[in-house]
Amino acid sequence: MLTVDDQLALAVSTLAALVLLVSAAWRIRHPALRSASLATAAGVAFGVASVFTKTVAAD
């Protein structure tokens, strides 16, 4: 179970990772690499969303 501080740290680090991946995707010219960067960002967002959902459901 995540504490409030853990949830905040996870949210901030996830947001930073998503901003990094999406901004990198904007700069990448090759379509396959851009797609891979955006797919990774989507996967990270999905994974973190499931962690938050599990934490809320456990309460």
N, C-alpha and C. Protein backbone atom coordinates (compact mmCIF):
# COMPACT_ATOMS: atom_id res chain seq x y z
N MET A 1 0.84 -1.17 0.00
CA MET A 1 0.00 0.00 0.00
C MET A 1 0.89 1.24 0.00
N LEU A 2 0.54 2.20 -0.82
CA LEU A 2 1.33 3.42 -0.94
C LEU A 2 0.84 4.48 0.04
N THR A 3 1.77 5.12 0.69
CA THR A 3 1.41 6.26 1.54
C THR A 3 1.18 7.48 0.65
N VAL A 4 0.69 8.54 1.24
CA VAL A 4 0.44 9.76 0.48
C VAL A 4 1.75 10.30 -0.11
N ASP A 5 2.82 10.23 0.67
CA ASP A 5 4.12 10.69 0.17
C ASP A 5 4.60 9.83 -1.00
N ASP A 6 4.39 8.51 -0.88
CA ASP A 6 4.78 7.61 -1.97
C ASP A 6 3.96 7.88 -3.23
N GLN A 7 2.66 8.13 -3.05
CA GLN A 7 1.80 8.44 -4.20
C GLN A 7 2.25 9.72 -4.89
N LEU A 8 2.59 10.73 -4.10
CA LEU A 8 3.05 11.99 -4.67
C LEU A 8 4.36 11.80 -5.42
N ALA A 9 5.29 11.06 -4.83
CA ALA A 9 6.57 10.81 -5.49
C ALA A 9 6.37 10.03 -6.78
N LEU A 10 5.49 9.04 -6.76
CA LEU A 10 5.21 8.26 -7.97
C LEU A 10 4.58 9.12 -9.05
N ALA A 11 3.64 9.98 -8.66
CA ALA A 11 2.98 10.86 -9.63
C ALA A 11 3.96 11.84 -10.26
N VAL A 12 4.81 12.44 -9.45
CA VAL A 12 5.77 13.42 -9.97
C VAL A 12 6.79 12.76 -10.89
N SER A 13 7.30 11.61 -10.48
CA SER A 13 8.29 10.93 -11.32
C SER A 13 7.66 10.40 -12.61
N THR A 14 6.42 9.96 -12.54
CA THR A 14 5.73 9.51 -13.75
C THR A 14 5.49 10.67 -14.70
N LEU A 15 5.04 11.79 -14.16
CA LEU A 15 4.82 12.97 -15.00
C LEU A 15 6.12 13.40 -15.67
N ALA A 16 7.22 13.37 -14.93
CA ALA A 16 8.51 13.74 -15.52
C ALA A 16 8.90 12.77 -16.63
N ALA A 17 8.69 11.48 -16.42
CA ALA A 17 9.01 10.49 -17.45
C ALA A 17 8.14 10.67 -18.68
N LEU A 18 6.86 10.96 -18.48
CA LEU A 18 5.96 11.16 -19.62
C LEU A 18 6.33 12.41 -20.41
N VAL A 19 6.66 13.48 -19.71
CA VAL A 19 7.07 14.71 -20.40
C VAL A 19 8.34 14.46 -21.20
N LEU A 20 9.28 13.74 -20.62
CA LEU A 20 10.53 13.43 -21.31
C LEU A 20 10.28 12.59 -22.56
N LEU A 21 9.47 11.55 -22.45
CA LEU A 21 9.21 10.66 -23.59
C LEU A 21 8.42 11.37 -24.69
N VAL A 22 7.41 12.14 -24.31
CA VAL A 22 6.61 12.82 -25.33
C VAL A 22 7.41 13.94 -26.01
N SER A 23 8.19 14.67 -25.23
CA SER A 23 9.00 15.72 -25.86
C SER A 23 10.08 15.12 -26.75
N ALA A 24 10.61 13.98 -26.36
CA ALA A 24 11.57 13.29 -27.23
C ALA A 24 10.89 12.84 -28.52
N ALA A 25 9.65 12.37 -28.40
CA ALA A 25 8.92 11.93 -29.60
C ALA A 25 8.69 13.08 -30.57
N TRP A 26 8.46 14.26 -30.05
CA TRP A 26 8.27 15.42 -30.93
C TRP A 26 9.53 15.73 -31.72
N ARG A 27 10.69 15.47 -31.13
CA ARG A 27 11.95 15.80 -31.79
C ARG A 27 12.44 14.71 -32.74
N ILE A 28 11.93 13.51 -32.58
CA ILE A 28 12.39 12.38 -33.40
C ILE A 28 11.71 12.46 -34.76
N ARG A 29 12.49 12.36 -35.79
CA ARG A 29 11.94 12.45 -37.14
C ARG A 29 11.54 11.09 -37.70
N HIS A 30 12.18 10.04 -37.25
CA HIS A 30 11.89 8.71 -37.78
C HIS A 30 10.57 8.20 -37.19
N PRO A 31 9.61 7.85 -38.05
CA PRO A 31 8.28 7.47 -37.56
C PRO A 31 8.27 6.26 -36.62
N ALA A 32 9.11 5.28 -36.87
CA ALA A 32 9.13 4.09 -36.02
C ALA A 32 9.66 4.41 -34.62
N LEU A 33 10.68 5.23 -34.55
CA LEU A 33 11.22 5.61 -33.24
C LEU A 33 10.25 6.52 -32.48
N ARG A 34 9.57 7.40 -33.23
CA ARG A 34 8.57 8.25 -32.60
C ARG A 34 7.44 7.40 -32.03
N SER A 35 7.00 6.41 -32.79
CA SER A 35 5.94 5.52 -32.33
C SER A 35 6.38 4.73 -31.10
N ALA A 36 7.61 4.29 -31.09
CA ALA A 36 8.12 3.53 -29.94
C ALA A 36 8.18 4.41 -28.69
N SER A 37 8.58 5.66 -28.85
CA SER A 37 8.64 6.57 -27.72
C SER A 37 7.24 6.85 -27.17
N LEU A 38 6.27 7.08 -28.05
CA LEU A 38 4.91 7.33 -27.60
C LEU A 38 4.28 6.08 -27.00
N ALA A 39 4.60 4.91 -27.56
CA ALA A 39 4.08 3.65 -27.00
C ALA A 39 4.64 3.40 -25.61
N THR A 40 5.91 3.72 -25.42
CA THR A 40 6.52 3.59 -24.09
C THR A 40 5.85 4.53 -23.10
N ALA A 41 5.58 5.75 -23.51
CA ALA A 41 4.89 6.70 -22.64
C ALA A 41 3.50 6.20 -22.28
N ALA A 42 2.80 5.64 -23.25
CA ALA A 42 1.47 5.10 -22.98
C ALA A 42 1.53 3.92 -22.03
N GLY A 43 2.53 3.07 -22.18
CA GLY A 43 2.71 1.93 -21.29
C GLY A 43 3.01 2.36 -19.87
N VAL A 44 3.86 3.35 -19.72
CA VAL A 44 4.18 3.88 -18.39
C VAL A 44 2.93 4.46 -17.74
N ALA A 45 2.17 5.23 -18.50
CA ALA A 45 0.95 5.83 -17.96
C ALA A 45 -0.05 4.75 -17.55
N PHE A 46 -0.20 3.72 -18.37
CA PHE A 46 -1.12 2.63 -18.04
C PHE A 46 -0.67 1.89 -16.78
N GLY A 47 0.61 1.60 -16.68
CA GLY A 47 1.13 0.90 -15.52
C GLY A 47 0.93 1.67 -14.23
N VAL A 48 1.21 2.96 -14.27
CA VAL A 48 1.05 3.78 -13.08
C VAL A 48 -0.43 3.93 -12.73
N ALA A 49 -1.28 4.05 -13.74
CA ALA A 49 -2.71 4.14 -13.47
C ALA A 49 -3.21 2.88 -12.78
N SER A 50 -2.71 1.72 -13.18
CA SER A 50 -3.13 0.49 -12.53
C SER A 50 -2.62 0.41 -11.09
N VAL A 51 -1.44 0.94 -10.83
CA VAL A 51 -0.92 0.97 -9.46
C VAL A 51 -1.81 1.86 -8.58
N PHE A 52 -2.17 3.04 -9.10
CA PHE A 52 -3.04 3.93 -8.33
C PHE A 52 -4.42 3.29 -8.12
N THR A 53 -4.94 2.61 -9.13
CA THR A 53 -6.24 1.95 -9.00
C THR A 53 -6.19 0.86 -7.94
N LYS A 54 -5.13 0.09 -7.95
CA LYS A 54 -4.98 -0.97 -6.96
C LYS A 54 -4.86 -0.39 -5.55
N THR A 55 -4.16 0.72 -5.42
CA THR A 55 -4.00 1.37 -4.12
C THR A 55 -5.36 1.87 -3.60
N VAL A 56 -6.15 2.46 -4.47
CA VAL A 56 -7.46 2.96 -4.06
C VAL A 56 -8.38 1.79 -3.72
N ALA A 57 -8.33 0.73 -4.51
CA ALA A 57 -9.20 -0.42 -4.26
C ALA A 57 -8.81 -1.14 -2.97
N ALA A 58 -7.55 -1.08 -2.59
CA ALA A 58 -7.08 -1.74 -1.36
C ALA A 58 -7.55 -1.00 -0.11
N ASP A 59 -7.84 0.29 -0.26
CA ASP A 59 -8.29 1.08 0.90
C ASP A 59 -9.68 0.76 1.20
